[in-house]
Amino acid sequence: MAQAAFGIRTKGWKSMMFTQPHVRQALEWIRYYYLSYMGGYIRKVARNAMKHQVGPSKAPEAPHRHAGLIRDQLYYGYDARSRSLVAGPALIGRLQHHSTITIPELLERGGQVRRLVTRGLLGALYRERHYVAGAAEMFHALRPQLGKMVSMTYPERPYMRDALAAALDPGVQQRAWREARTKAAARH
């Protein structure tokens, strides 16, 4: 936010220049508190979007959490090179057989991947056949493919995109700046 100022002496202007160490330090603290607030907000919204329910969520809703692995591995931090906030899930794992997409990315963006049909995959489908719509049909379709690579399409279930969109709300931005200025002022 900028404002016009009149009647400030030269000495006063020089003490407010952005090149002054105390001004730079104050701005860095405001930026630190602002980005910290926004990172925490994005993480909270993304975590709260993942409801604990049986079976997969309906696309394009956020994914359901079963073990809570992705939900518990959401982090935020400061990227010094770009001087910006970075928020998202930790690298949990890639799909088998040299896939370039990670599991959190596949949930967020959806896509088509090739998977090996294993006993573990079939067992999971068999156990979910009474709770998850389509699990029984998928089990019966994949059973003859045991040991073979198949192409599977996953719908997008965004959780980080929606959290970032919520953080860009002007009311949230104003609260973040207000809190950042208050905390930075309390340091001096």
N, C-alpha and C. Protein backbone atom coordinates (compact mmCIF):
# COMPACT_ATOMS: atom_id res chain seq x y z
N MET A 1 0.85 -1.16 0.00
CA MET A 1 0.00 0.00 0.00
C MET A 1 0.90 1.23 0.00
N ALA A 2 0.60 2.18 -0.86
CA ALA A 2 1.40 3.40 -0.96
C ALA A 2 0.54 4.60 -0.61
N GLN A 3 1.21 5.64 -0.15
CA GLN A 3 0.49 6.86 0.16
C GLN A 3 1.38 8.05 -0.16
N ALA A 4 0.77 9.16 -0.48
CA ALA A 4 1.52 10.39 -0.75
C ALA A 4 1.83 11.07 0.56
N ALA A 5 3.04 11.63 0.64
CA ALA A 5 3.44 12.32 1.86
C ALA A 5 4.05 13.67 1.49
N PHE A 6 3.67 14.71 2.23
CA PHE A 6 4.18 16.06 1.99
C PHE A 6 4.70 16.60 3.32
N GLY A 7 5.70 17.44 3.26
CA GLY A 7 6.19 18.10 4.45
C GLY A 7 7.24 17.31 5.23
N ILE A 8 7.86 16.33 4.60
CA ILE A 8 8.92 15.58 5.28
C ILE A 8 10.26 16.16 4.86
N ARG A 9 11.12 16.48 5.83
CA ARG A 9 12.43 17.06 5.54
C ARG A 9 13.34 16.02 4.88
N THR A 10 14.41 16.50 4.27
CA THR A 10 15.35 15.63 3.57
C THR A 10 15.91 14.56 4.49
N LYS A 11 16.24 14.95 5.71
CA LYS A 11 16.79 13.98 6.67
C LYS A 11 15.76 12.89 6.96
N GLY A 12 14.50 13.28 7.05
CA GLY A 12 13.44 12.30 7.28
C GLY A 12 13.31 11.33 6.12
N TRP A 13 13.40 11.84 4.89
CA TRP A 13 13.31 10.97 3.72
C TRP A 13 14.48 10.01 3.67
N LYS A 14 15.67 10.51 3.97
CA LYS A 14 16.85 9.65 3.91
C LYS A 14 16.77 8.51 4.92
N SER A 15 16.14 8.76 6.06
CA SER A 15 16.03 7.69 7.06
C SER A 15 15.00 6.63 6.65
N MET A 16 14.14 6.99 5.68
CA MET A 16 13.12 6.04 5.23
C MET A 16 13.49 5.32 3.94
N MET A 17 14.64 5.63 3.36
CA MET A 17 15.02 5.01 2.09
C MET A 17 15.10 3.49 2.23
N PHE A 18 14.73 2.82 1.15
CA PHE A 18 14.76 1.36 1.16
C PHE A 18 16.17 0.80 1.29
N THR A 19 17.18 1.63 1.03
CA THR A 19 18.56 1.16 1.14
C THR A 19 19.06 1.16 2.58
N GLN A 20 18.35 1.80 3.48
CA GLN A 20 18.76 1.85 4.89
C GLN A 20 18.63 0.46 5.52
N PRO A 21 19.64 0.02 6.27
CA PRO A 21 19.60 -1.33 6.86
C PRO A 21 18.38 -1.59 7.76
N HIS A 22 18.00 -0.60 8.57
CA HIS A 22 16.86 -0.83 9.47
C HIS A 22 15.55 -0.94 8.69
N VAL A 23 15.43 -0.25 7.55
CA VAL A 23 14.23 -0.35 6.72
C VAL A 23 14.19 -1.71 6.06
N ARG A 24 15.33 -2.13 5.50
CA ARG A 24 15.39 -3.46 4.87
C ARG A 24 15.07 -4.56 5.86
N GLN A 25 15.60 -4.45 7.06
CA GLN A 25 15.36 -5.47 8.08
C GLN A 25 13.88 -5.50 8.48
N ALA A 26 13.28 -4.32 8.65
CA ALA A 26 11.85 -4.27 8.99
C ALA A 26 11.00 -4.89 7.89
N LEU A 27 11.35 -4.58 6.63
CA LEU A 27 10.61 -5.15 5.51
C LEU A 27 10.77 -6.68 5.46
N GLU A 28 11.97 -7.15 5.77
CA GLU A 28 12.18 -8.60 5.76
C GLU A 28 11.36 -9.28 6.84
N TRP A 29 11.23 -8.65 8.01
CA TRP A 29 10.41 -9.25 9.06
C TRP A 29 8.94 -9.25 8.67
N ILE A 30 8.48 -8.17 8.04
CA ILE A 30 7.09 -8.14 7.59
C ILE A 30 6.86 -9.24 6.55
N ARG A 31 7.80 -9.35 5.60
CA ARG A 31 7.68 -10.40 4.58
C ARG A 31 7.70 -11.78 5.23
N TYR A 32 8.58 -11.98 6.20
CA TYR A 32 8.68 -13.27 6.89
C TYR A 32 7.35 -13.62 7.56
N TYR A 33 6.78 -12.70 8.32
CA TYR A 33 5.52 -12.98 9.01
C TYR A 33 4.36 -13.16 8.03
N TYR A 34 4.35 -12.36 6.96
CA TYR A 34 3.30 -12.49 5.96
C TYR A 34 3.35 -13.87 5.30
N LEU A 35 4.52 -14.25 4.82
CA LEU A 35 4.64 -15.54 4.14
C LEU A 35 4.40 -16.70 5.10
N SER A 36 4.79 -16.55 6.34
CA SER A 36 4.54 -17.59 7.34
C SER A 36 3.04 -17.75 7.57
N TYR A 37 2.34 -16.65 7.68
CA TYR A 37 0.89 -16.69 7.88
C TYR A 37 0.21 -17.35 6.68
N MET A 38 0.60 -16.93 5.47
CA MET A 38 -0.02 -17.47 4.26
C MET A 38 0.30 -18.96 4.10
N GLY A 39 1.52 -19.36 4.40
CA GLY A 39 1.88 -20.78 4.31
C GLY A 39 1.06 -21.62 5.27
N GLY A 40 0.92 -21.14 6.49
CA GLY A 40 0.11 -21.85 7.47
C GLY A 40 -1.35 -21.93 7.06
N TYR A 41 -1.84 -20.86 6.46
CA TYR A 41 -3.23 -20.84 6.01
C TYR A 41 -3.44 -21.84 4.87
N ILE A 42 -2.55 -21.85 3.88
CA ILE A 42 -2.66 -22.78 2.76
C ILE A 42 -2.61 -24.22 3.26
N ARG A 43 -1.69 -24.50 4.17
CA ARG A 43 -1.57 -25.86 4.71
C ARG A 43 -2.84 -26.26 5.45
N LYS A 44 -3.39 -25.35 6.25
CA LYS A 44 -4.61 -25.65 7.02
C LYS A 44 -5.78 -25.94 6.09
N VAL A 45 -5.96 -25.12 5.06
CA VAL A 45 -7.08 -25.33 4.13
C VAL A 45 -6.92 -26.65 3.39
N ALA A 46 -5.71 -26.96 2.92
CA ALA A 46 -5.48 -28.22 2.20
C ALA A 46 -5.72 -29.42 3.11
N ARG A 47 -5.24 -29.35 4.35
CA ARG A 47 -5.43 -30.47 5.28
C ARG A 47 -6.91 -30.66 5.61
N ASN A 48 -7.62 -29.56 5.83
CA ASN A 48 -9.04 -29.66 6.18
C ASN A 48 -9.89 -30.15 5.01
N ALA A 49 -9.40 -29.97 3.79
CA ALA A 49 -10.16 -30.43 2.62
C ALA A 49 -10.17 -31.95 2.52
N MET A 50 -9.16 -32.60 3.10
CA MET A 50 -9.05 -34.07 3.02
C MET A 50 -9.83 -34.69 4.17
N LYS A 51 -11.04 -35.09 3.87
CA LYS A 51 -11.92 -35.68 4.89
C LYS A 51 -11.57 -37.16 5.10
N HIS A 52 -11.79 -37.63 6.30
CA HIS A 52 -11.54 -39.04 6.62
C HIS A 52 -12.81 -39.83 6.29
N GLN A 53 -12.82 -40.47 5.14
CA GLN A 53 -13.96 -41.26 4.71
C GLN A 53 -13.47 -42.49 3.96
N VAL A 54 -14.31 -43.51 3.90
CA VAL A 54 -13.97 -44.74 3.21
C VAL A 54 -14.11 -44.52 1.71
N GLY A 55 -13.21 -45.09 0.94
CA GLY A 55 -13.29 -45.04 -0.52
C GLY A 55 -12.77 -43.75 -1.10
N PRO A 56 -12.68 -43.71 -2.42
CA PRO A 56 -12.18 -42.50 -3.07
C PRO A 56 -13.22 -41.39 -3.08
N SER A 57 -12.75 -40.17 -3.17
CA SER A 57 -13.66 -39.02 -3.27
C SER A 57 -14.16 -38.93 -4.70
N LYS A 58 -15.24 -38.20 -4.86
CA LYS A 58 -15.76 -37.96 -6.20
C LYS A 58 -14.95 -36.83 -6.82
N ALA A 59 -14.51 -37.04 -8.04
CA ALA A 59 -13.75 -35.99 -8.73
C ALA A 59 -14.71 -34.84 -9.03
N PRO A 60 -14.35 -33.61 -8.91
CA PRO A 60 -13.05 -33.04 -8.59
C PRO A 60 -12.92 -32.61 -7.12
N GLU A 61 -13.51 -33.34 -6.18
CA GLU A 61 -13.34 -33.02 -4.76
C GLU A 61 -11.93 -33.40 -4.32
N ALA A 62 -11.50 -32.84 -3.20
CA ALA A 62 -10.20 -33.19 -2.63
C ALA A 62 -10.20 -34.67 -2.26
N PRO A 63 -9.03 -35.30 -2.29
CA PRO A 63 -8.99 -36.73 -1.98
C PRO A 63 -9.36 -37.01 -0.53
N HIS A 64 -9.96 -38.17 -0.31
CA HIS A 64 -10.20 -38.60 1.07
C HIS A 64 -8.89 -39.09 1.65
N ARG A 65 -8.78 -38.99 2.95
CA ARG A 65 -7.58 -39.52 3.59
C ARG A 65 -7.93 -40.83 4.26
N HIS A 66 -7.07 -41.78 4.09
CA HIS A 66 -7.28 -43.08 4.70
C HIS A 66 -6.27 -43.25 5.83
N ALA A 67 -5.00 -43.27 5.48
CA ALA A 67 -3.95 -43.35 6.49
C ALA A 67 -3.48 -41.96 6.91
N GLY A 68 -3.80 -40.94 6.14
CA GLY A 68 -3.39 -39.57 6.46
C GLY A 68 -1.99 -39.24 6.03
N LEU A 69 -1.41 -40.07 5.15
CA LEU A 69 -0.01 -39.89 4.77
C LEU A 69 0.24 -38.55 4.07
N ILE A 70 -0.56 -38.22 3.07
CA ILE A 70 -0.36 -36.95 2.36
C ILE A 70 -0.73 -35.78 3.27
N ARG A 71 -1.82 -35.90 3.97
CA ARG A 71 -2.29 -34.84 4.86
C ARG A 71 -1.23 -34.48 5.90
N ASP A 72 -0.57 -35.48 6.44
CA ASP A 72 0.44 -35.25 7.48
C ASP A 72 1.79 -34.82 6.91
N GLN A 73 1.96 -34.89 5.60
CA GLN A 73 3.23 -34.52 4.99
C GLN A 73 3.14 -33.23 4.18
N LEU A 74 2.19 -32.36 4.52
CA LEU A 74 2.09 -31.05 3.87
C LEU A 74 2.97 -30.05 4.62
N TYR A 75 3.80 -29.33 3.88
CA TYR A 75 4.72 -28.38 4.49
C TYR A 75 4.69 -27.06 3.74
N TYR A 76 5.30 -26.04 4.33
CA TYR A 76 5.50 -24.76 3.65
C TYR A 76 6.83 -24.20 4.12
N GLY A 77 7.43 -23.41 3.24
CA GLY A 77 8.73 -22.83 3.57
C GLY A 77 9.04 -21.65 2.67
N TYR A 78 10.22 -21.10 2.86
CA TYR A 78 10.67 -19.92 2.14
C TYR A 78 11.74 -20.33 1.14
N ASP A 79 11.53 -20.00 -0.13
CA ASP A 79 12.52 -20.26 -1.17
C ASP A 79 13.35 -18.99 -1.33
N ALA A 80 14.61 -19.05 -0.90
CA ALA A 80 15.46 -17.86 -0.89
C ALA A 80 15.79 -17.39 -2.30
N ARG A 81 15.91 -18.31 -3.26
CA ARG A 81 16.24 -17.90 -4.62
C ARG A 81 15.14 -17.04 -5.25
N SER A 82 13.90 -17.48 -5.11
CA SER A 82 12.80 -16.71 -5.69
C SER A 82 12.17 -15.74 -4.70
N ARG A 83 12.65 -15.78 -3.45
CA ARG A 83 12.12 -14.94 -2.37
C ARG A 83 10.60 -15.06 -2.28
N SER A 84 10.14 -16.31 -2.24
CA SER A 84 8.69 -16.55 -2.23
C SER A 84 8.35 -17.74 -1.35
N LEU A 85 7.07 -17.91 -1.15
CA LEU A 85 6.53 -19.01 -0.37
C LEU A 85 6.40 -20.25 -1.25
N VAL A 86 6.74 -21.39 -0.68
CA VAL A 86 6.56 -22.68 -1.35
C VAL A 86 5.75 -23.55 -0.40
N ALA A 87 4.67 -24.14 -0.91
CA ALA A 87 3.82 -24.99 -0.08
C ALA A 87 3.41 -26.21 -0.87
N GLY A 88 3.36 -27.36 -0.21
CA GLY A 88 2.93 -28.58 -0.89
C GLY A 88 3.31 -29.81 -0.11
N PRO A 89 2.99 -30.98 -0.66
CA PRO A 89 3.30 -32.23 0.02
C PRO A 89 4.76 -32.63 -0.16
N ALA A 90 5.27 -33.36 0.81
CA ALA A 90 6.62 -33.92 0.69
C ALA A 90 6.58 -35.02 -0.36
N LEU A 91 7.74 -35.35 -0.90
CA LEU A 91 7.83 -36.42 -1.88
C LEU A 91 7.54 -37.74 -1.18
N ILE A 92 6.38 -38.30 -1.44
CA ILE A 92 5.98 -39.53 -0.77
C ILE A 92 6.45 -40.74 -1.56
N GLY A 93 6.31 -40.70 -2.84
CA GLY A 93 6.77 -41.81 -3.66
C GLY A 93 6.26 -41.68 -5.07
N ARG A 94 6.95 -42.37 -5.93
CA ARG A 94 6.53 -42.40 -7.32
C ARG A 94 5.79 -43.70 -7.55
N LEU A 95 4.98 -43.69 -8.57
CA LEU A 95 4.33 -44.94 -8.94
C LEU A 95 5.40 -45.88 -9.47
N GLN A 96 5.11 -47.15 -9.48
CA GLN A 96 6.11 -48.14 -9.85
C GLN A 96 6.57 -47.99 -11.30
N HIS A 97 7.67 -48.59 -11.57
CA HIS A 97 8.22 -48.73 -12.92
C HIS A 97 8.58 -47.40 -13.57
N HIS A 98 9.40 -46.64 -12.89
CA HIS A 98 10.02 -45.44 -13.45
C HIS A 98 9.03 -44.38 -13.92
N SER A 99 7.94 -44.25 -13.24
CA SER A 99 6.99 -43.20 -13.59
C SER A 99 7.58 -41.86 -13.20
N THR A 100 7.28 -40.84 -13.97
CA THR A 100 7.81 -39.52 -13.67
C THR A 100 6.88 -38.73 -12.77
N ILE A 101 5.68 -39.21 -12.53
CA ILE A 101 4.71 -38.47 -11.72
C ILE A 101 4.66 -39.07 -10.31
N THR A 102 4.56 -38.20 -9.32
CA THR A 102 4.45 -38.67 -7.94
C THR A 102 2.98 -38.88 -7.59
N ILE A 103 2.75 -39.58 -6.51
CA ILE A 103 1.37 -39.85 -6.09
C ILE A 103 0.62 -38.56 -5.74
N PRO A 104 1.21 -37.63 -4.97
CA PRO A 104 0.50 -36.37 -4.71
C PRO A 104 0.19 -35.59 -5.99
N GLU A 105 1.11 -35.61 -6.98
CA GLU A 105 0.85 -34.93 -8.25
C GLU A 105 -0.31 -35.59 -8.99
N LEU A 106 -0.34 -36.92 -8.97
CA LEU A 106 -1.41 -37.64 -9.65
C LEU A 106 -2.76 -37.32 -9.02
N LEU A 107 -2.81 -37.21 -7.71
CA LEU A 107 -4.06 -36.82 -7.05
C LEU A 107 -4.45 -35.39 -7.42
N GLU A 108 -3.50 -34.49 -7.42
CA GLU A 108 -3.78 -33.08 -7.69
C GLU A 108 -4.20 -32.84 -9.13
N ARG A 109 -3.47 -33.39 -10.07
CA ARG A 109 -3.69 -33.08 -11.48
C ARG A 109 -4.42 -34.16 -12.28
N GLY A 110 -4.46 -35.37 -11.73
CA GLY A 110 -5.03 -36.49 -12.48
C GLY A 110 -4.07 -36.89 -13.60
N GLY A 111 -4.46 -37.88 -14.35
CA GLY A 111 -3.62 -38.28 -15.46
C GLY A 111 -3.70 -39.76 -15.72
N GLN A 112 -2.94 -40.18 -16.70
CA GLN A 112 -2.91 -41.58 -17.08
C GLN A 112 -1.52 -42.13 -16.79
N VAL A 113 -1.48 -43.26 -16.11
CA VAL A 113 -0.20 -43.90 -15.78
C VAL A 113 -0.29 -45.38 -16.12
N ARG A 114 0.88 -45.95 -16.30
CA ARG A 114 0.95 -47.39 -16.53
C ARG A 114 1.34 -48.04 -15.22
N ARG A 115 0.59 -49.07 -14.85
CA ARG A 115 0.84 -49.78 -13.59
C ARG A 115 0.92 -51.26 -13.84
N LEU A 116 1.73 -51.91 -13.04
CA LEU A 116 1.81 -53.36 -13.05
C LEU A 116 0.71 -53.89 -12.16
N VAL A 117 -0.06 -54.82 -12.67
CA VAL A 117 -1.13 -55.42 -11.87
C VAL A 117 -0.47 -56.46 -10.96
N THR A 118 -0.48 -56.18 -9.67
CA THR A 118 0.14 -57.06 -8.69
C THR A 118 -0.92 -57.68 -7.79
N ARG A 119 -0.49 -58.66 -7.03
CA ARG A 119 -1.41 -59.26 -6.06
C ARG A 119 -1.85 -58.22 -5.02
N GLY A 120 -0.95 -57.33 -4.67
CA GLY A 120 -1.28 -56.28 -3.71
C GLY A 120 -2.39 -55.37 -4.22
N LEU A 121 -2.31 -54.96 -5.48
CA LEU A 121 -3.34 -54.12 -6.08
C LEU A 121 -4.67 -54.86 -6.12
N LEU A 122 -4.63 -56.11 -6.55
CA LEU A 122 -5.86 -56.91 -6.61
C LEU A 122 -6.43 -57.13 -5.21
N GLY A 123 -5.56 -57.36 -4.23
CA GLY A 123 -6.02 -57.56 -2.85
C GLY A 123 -6.71 -56.33 -2.30
N ALA A 124 -6.15 -55.14 -2.60
CA ALA A 124 -6.77 -53.90 -2.14
C ALA A 124 -8.14 -53.72 -2.77
N LEU A 125 -8.26 -54.01 -4.05
CA LEU A 125 -9.56 -53.90 -4.73
C LEU A 125 -10.55 -54.91 -4.17
N TYR A 126 -10.07 -56.11 -3.87
CA TYR A 126 -10.95 -57.15 -3.34
C TYR A 126 -11.48 -56.74 -1.97
N ARG A 127 -10.62 -56.18 -1.13
CA ARG A 127 -11.04 -55.76 0.21
C ARG A 127 -12.03 -54.59 0.15
N GLU A 128 -11.92 -53.75 -0.87
CA GLU A 128 -12.78 -52.56 -0.97
C GLU A 128 -14.06 -52.82 -1.77
N ARG A 129 -14.26 -54.03 -2.26
CA ARG A 129 -15.36 -54.29 -3.19
C ARG A 129 -16.74 -54.01 -2.60
N HIS A 130 -16.91 -54.10 -1.27
CA HIS A 130 -18.21 -53.83 -0.66
C HIS A 130 -18.41 -52.37 -0.29
N TYR A 131 -17.31 -51.60 -0.24
CA TYR A 131 -17.38 -50.22 0.24
C TYR A 131 -17.25 -49.18 -0.87
N VAL A 132 -16.55 -49.53 -1.92
CA VAL A 132 -16.22 -48.57 -2.95
C VAL A 132 -16.92 -48.95 -4.25
N ALA A 133 -17.69 -48.01 -4.78
CA ALA A 133 -18.40 -48.26 -6.03
C ALA A 133 -17.39 -48.50 -7.15
N GLY A 134 -17.55 -49.57 -7.88
CA GLY A 134 -16.68 -49.88 -9.01
C GLY A 134 -15.48 -50.73 -8.66
N ALA A 135 -15.21 -50.96 -7.37
CA ALA A 135 -14.03 -51.75 -6.99
C ALA A 135 -14.19 -53.21 -7.42
N ALA A 136 -15.38 -53.78 -7.27
CA ALA A 136 -15.60 -55.17 -7.66
C ALA A 136 -15.42 -55.34 -9.17
N GLU A 137 -15.98 -54.41 -9.95
CA GLU A 137 -15.84 -54.50 -11.40
C GLU A 137 -14.38 -54.37 -11.82
N MET A 138 -13.66 -53.45 -11.19
CA MET A 138 -12.25 -53.27 -11.51
C MET A 138 -11.45 -54.51 -11.14
N PHE A 139 -11.76 -55.11 -10.00
CA PHE A 139 -11.09 -56.35 -9.58
C PHE A 139 -11.26 -57.43 -10.65
N HIS A 140 -12.50 -57.63 -11.09
CA HIS A 140 -12.77 -58.68 -12.08
C HIS A 140 -12.13 -58.36 -13.43
N ALA A 141 -12.05 -57.08 -13.79
CA ALA A 141 -11.43 -56.69 -15.06
C ALA A 141 -9.91 -56.85 -15.02
N LEU A 142 -9.30 -56.60 -13.86
CA LEU A 142 -7.84 -56.65 -13.76
C LEU A 142 -7.29 -58.03 -13.40
N ARG A 143 -8.12 -58.89 -12.85
CA ARG A 143 -7.64 -60.21 -12.42
C ARG A 143 -6.96 -60.99 -13.53
N PRO A 144 -7.50 -61.01 -14.75
CA PRO A 144 -6.78 -61.73 -15.81
C PRO A 144 -5.48 -61.05 -16.25
N GLN A 145 -5.30 -59.78 -15.84
CA GLN A 145 -4.11 -59.03 -16.24
C GLN A 145 -2.97 -59.14 -15.23
N LEU A 146 -3.08 -60.03 -14.25
CA LEU A 146 -2.06 -60.17 -13.20
C LEU A 146 -0.67 -60.35 -13.82
N GLY A 147 0.26 -59.51 -13.38
CA GLY A 147 1.63 -59.56 -13.88
C GLY A 147 1.86 -58.74 -15.13
N LYS A 148 0.84 -58.09 -15.66
CA LYS A 148 0.97 -57.30 -16.88
C LYS A 148 0.85 -55.81 -16.56
N MET A 149 1.40 -55.00 -17.48
CA MET A 149 1.28 -53.56 -17.36
C MET A 149 -0.05 -53.13 -17.98
N VAL A 150 -0.78 -52.27 -17.26
CA VAL A 150 -2.03 -51.74 -17.78
C VAL A 150 -2.01 -50.22 -17.66
N SER A 151 -2.78 -49.56 -18.48
CA SER A 151 -2.89 -48.11 -18.43
C SER A 151 -4.11 -47.77 -17.58
N MET A 152 -3.92 -46.91 -16.57
CA MET A 152 -5.00 -46.51 -15.68
C MET A 152 -5.14 -45.00 -15.71
N THR A 153 -6.38 -44.53 -15.75
CA THR A 153 -6.67 -43.10 -15.76
C THR A 153 -7.22 -42.69 -14.40
N TYR A 154 -6.62 -41.66 -13.83
CA TYR A 154 -7.03 -41.13 -12.54
C TYR A 154 -7.60 -39.74 -12.73
N PRO A 155 -8.79 -39.46 -12.18
CA PRO A 155 -9.33 -38.10 -12.28
C PRO A 155 -8.60 -37.16 -11.33
N GLU A 156 -8.63 -35.87 -11.63
CA GLU A 156 -7.97 -34.92 -10.74
C GLU A 156 -8.81 -34.73 -9.48
N ARG A 157 -8.10 -34.66 -8.37
CA ARG A 157 -8.72 -34.39 -7.06
C ARG A 157 -7.88 -33.31 -6.37
N PRO A 158 -8.05 -32.06 -6.82
CA PRO A 158 -7.17 -30.99 -6.33
C PRO A 158 -7.37 -30.67 -4.85
N TYR A 159 -6.28 -30.47 -4.18
CA TYR A 159 -6.32 -30.02 -2.79
C TYR A 159 -5.42 -28.81 -2.60
N MET A 160 -4.27 -28.75 -3.26
CA MET A 160 -3.39 -27.60 -3.14
C MET A 160 -3.88 -26.42 -3.97
N ARG A 161 -4.40 -26.67 -5.15
CA ARG A 161 -4.91 -25.60 -6.01
C ARG A 161 -6.05 -24.85 -5.32
N ASP A 162 -6.96 -25.61 -4.72
CA ASP A 162 -8.08 -24.97 -4.02
C ASP A 162 -7.61 -24.21 -2.78
N ALA A 163 -6.61 -24.75 -2.10
CA ALA A 163 -6.08 -24.05 -0.92
C ALA A 163 -5.40 -22.74 -1.31
N LEU A 164 -4.66 -22.76 -2.41
CA LEU A 164 -4.02 -21.54 -2.89
C LEU A 164 -5.06 -20.51 -3.32
N ALA A 165 -6.11 -20.98 -3.99
CA ALA A 165 -7.18 -20.06 -4.40
C ALA A 165 -7.84 -19.42 -3.18
N ALA A 166 -8.03 -20.19 -2.11
CA ALA A 166 -8.63 -19.65 -0.89
C ALA A 166 -7.70 -18.62 -0.25
N ALA A 167 -6.39 -18.85 -0.35
CA ALA A 167 -5.43 -17.91 0.24
C ALA A 167 -5.36 -16.59 -0.52
N LEU A 168 -5.75 -16.60 -1.77
CA LEU A 168 -5.71 -15.38 -2.57
C LEU A 168 -6.94 -14.49 -2.37
N ASP A 169 -7.84 -14.92 -1.50
CA ASP A 169 -9.00 -14.11 -1.16
C ASP A 169 -8.53 -12.80 -0.52
N PRO A 170 -9.07 -11.66 -0.95
CA PRO A 170 -8.62 -10.37 -0.41
C PRO A 170 -8.74 -10.27 1.12
N GLY A 171 -9.76 -10.85 1.71
CA GLY A 171 -9.91 -10.80 3.17
C GLY A 171 -8.79 -11.53 3.88
N VAL A 172 -8.38 -12.67 3.35
CA VAL A 172 -7.27 -13.44 3.93
C VAL A 172 -5.98 -12.65 3.77
N GLN A 173 -5.78 -12.05 2.60
CA GLN A 173 -4.57 -11.27 2.35
C GLN A 173 -4.47 -10.08 3.33
N GLN A 174 -5.59 -9.40 3.55
CA GLN A 174 -5.60 -8.26 4.48
C GLN A 174 -5.27 -8.71 5.90
N ARG A 175 -5.86 -9.83 6.34
CA ARG A 175 -5.56 -10.35 7.68
C ARG A 175 -4.08 -10.70 7.81
N ALA A 176 -3.53 -11.30 6.75
CA ALA A 176 -2.11 -11.68 6.78
C ALA A 176 -1.21 -10.45 6.89
N TRP A 177 -1.48 -9.42 6.08
CA TRP A 177 -0.67 -8.21 6.15
C TRP A 177 -0.81 -7.52 7.51
N ARG A 178 -2.04 -7.46 8.02
CA ARG A 178 -2.27 -6.82 9.31
C ARG A 178 -1.47 -7.54 10.41
N GLU A 179 -1.56 -8.86 10.41
CA GLU A 179 -0.83 -9.63 11.43
C GLU A 179 0.68 -9.49 11.25
N ALA A 180 1.15 -9.47 10.00
CA ALA A 180 2.57 -9.33 9.75
C ALA A 180 3.10 -7.98 10.24
N ARG A 181 2.35 -6.91 9.95
CA ARG A 181 2.78 -5.59 10.42
C ARG A 181 2.78 -5.52 11.94
N THR A 182 1.78 -6.10 12.58
CA THR A 182 1.69 -6.09 14.04
C THR A 182 2.86 -6.83 14.65
N LYS A 183 3.16 -8.03 14.13
CA LYS A 183 4.26 -8.82 14.69
C LYS A 183 5.62 -8.17 14.43
N ALA A 184 5.78 -7.60 13.23
CA ALA A 184 7.06 -6.94 12.91
C ALA A 184 7.25 -5.70 13.79
N ALA A 185 6.18 -4.96 14.05
CA ALA A 185 6.27 -3.77 14.89
C ALA A 185 6.60 -4.15 16.33
N ALA A 186 6.12 -5.31 16.76
CA ALA A 186 6.38 -5.75 18.14
C ALA A 186 7.86 -6.13 18.33
N ARG A 187 8.54 -6.42 17.24
CA ARG A 187 9.98 -6.77 17.33
C ARG A 187 10.83 -5.55 17.63
N HIS A 188 10.34 -4.35 17.31
CA HIS A 188 11.16 -3.14 17.49
C HIS A 188 10.83 -2.44 18.76
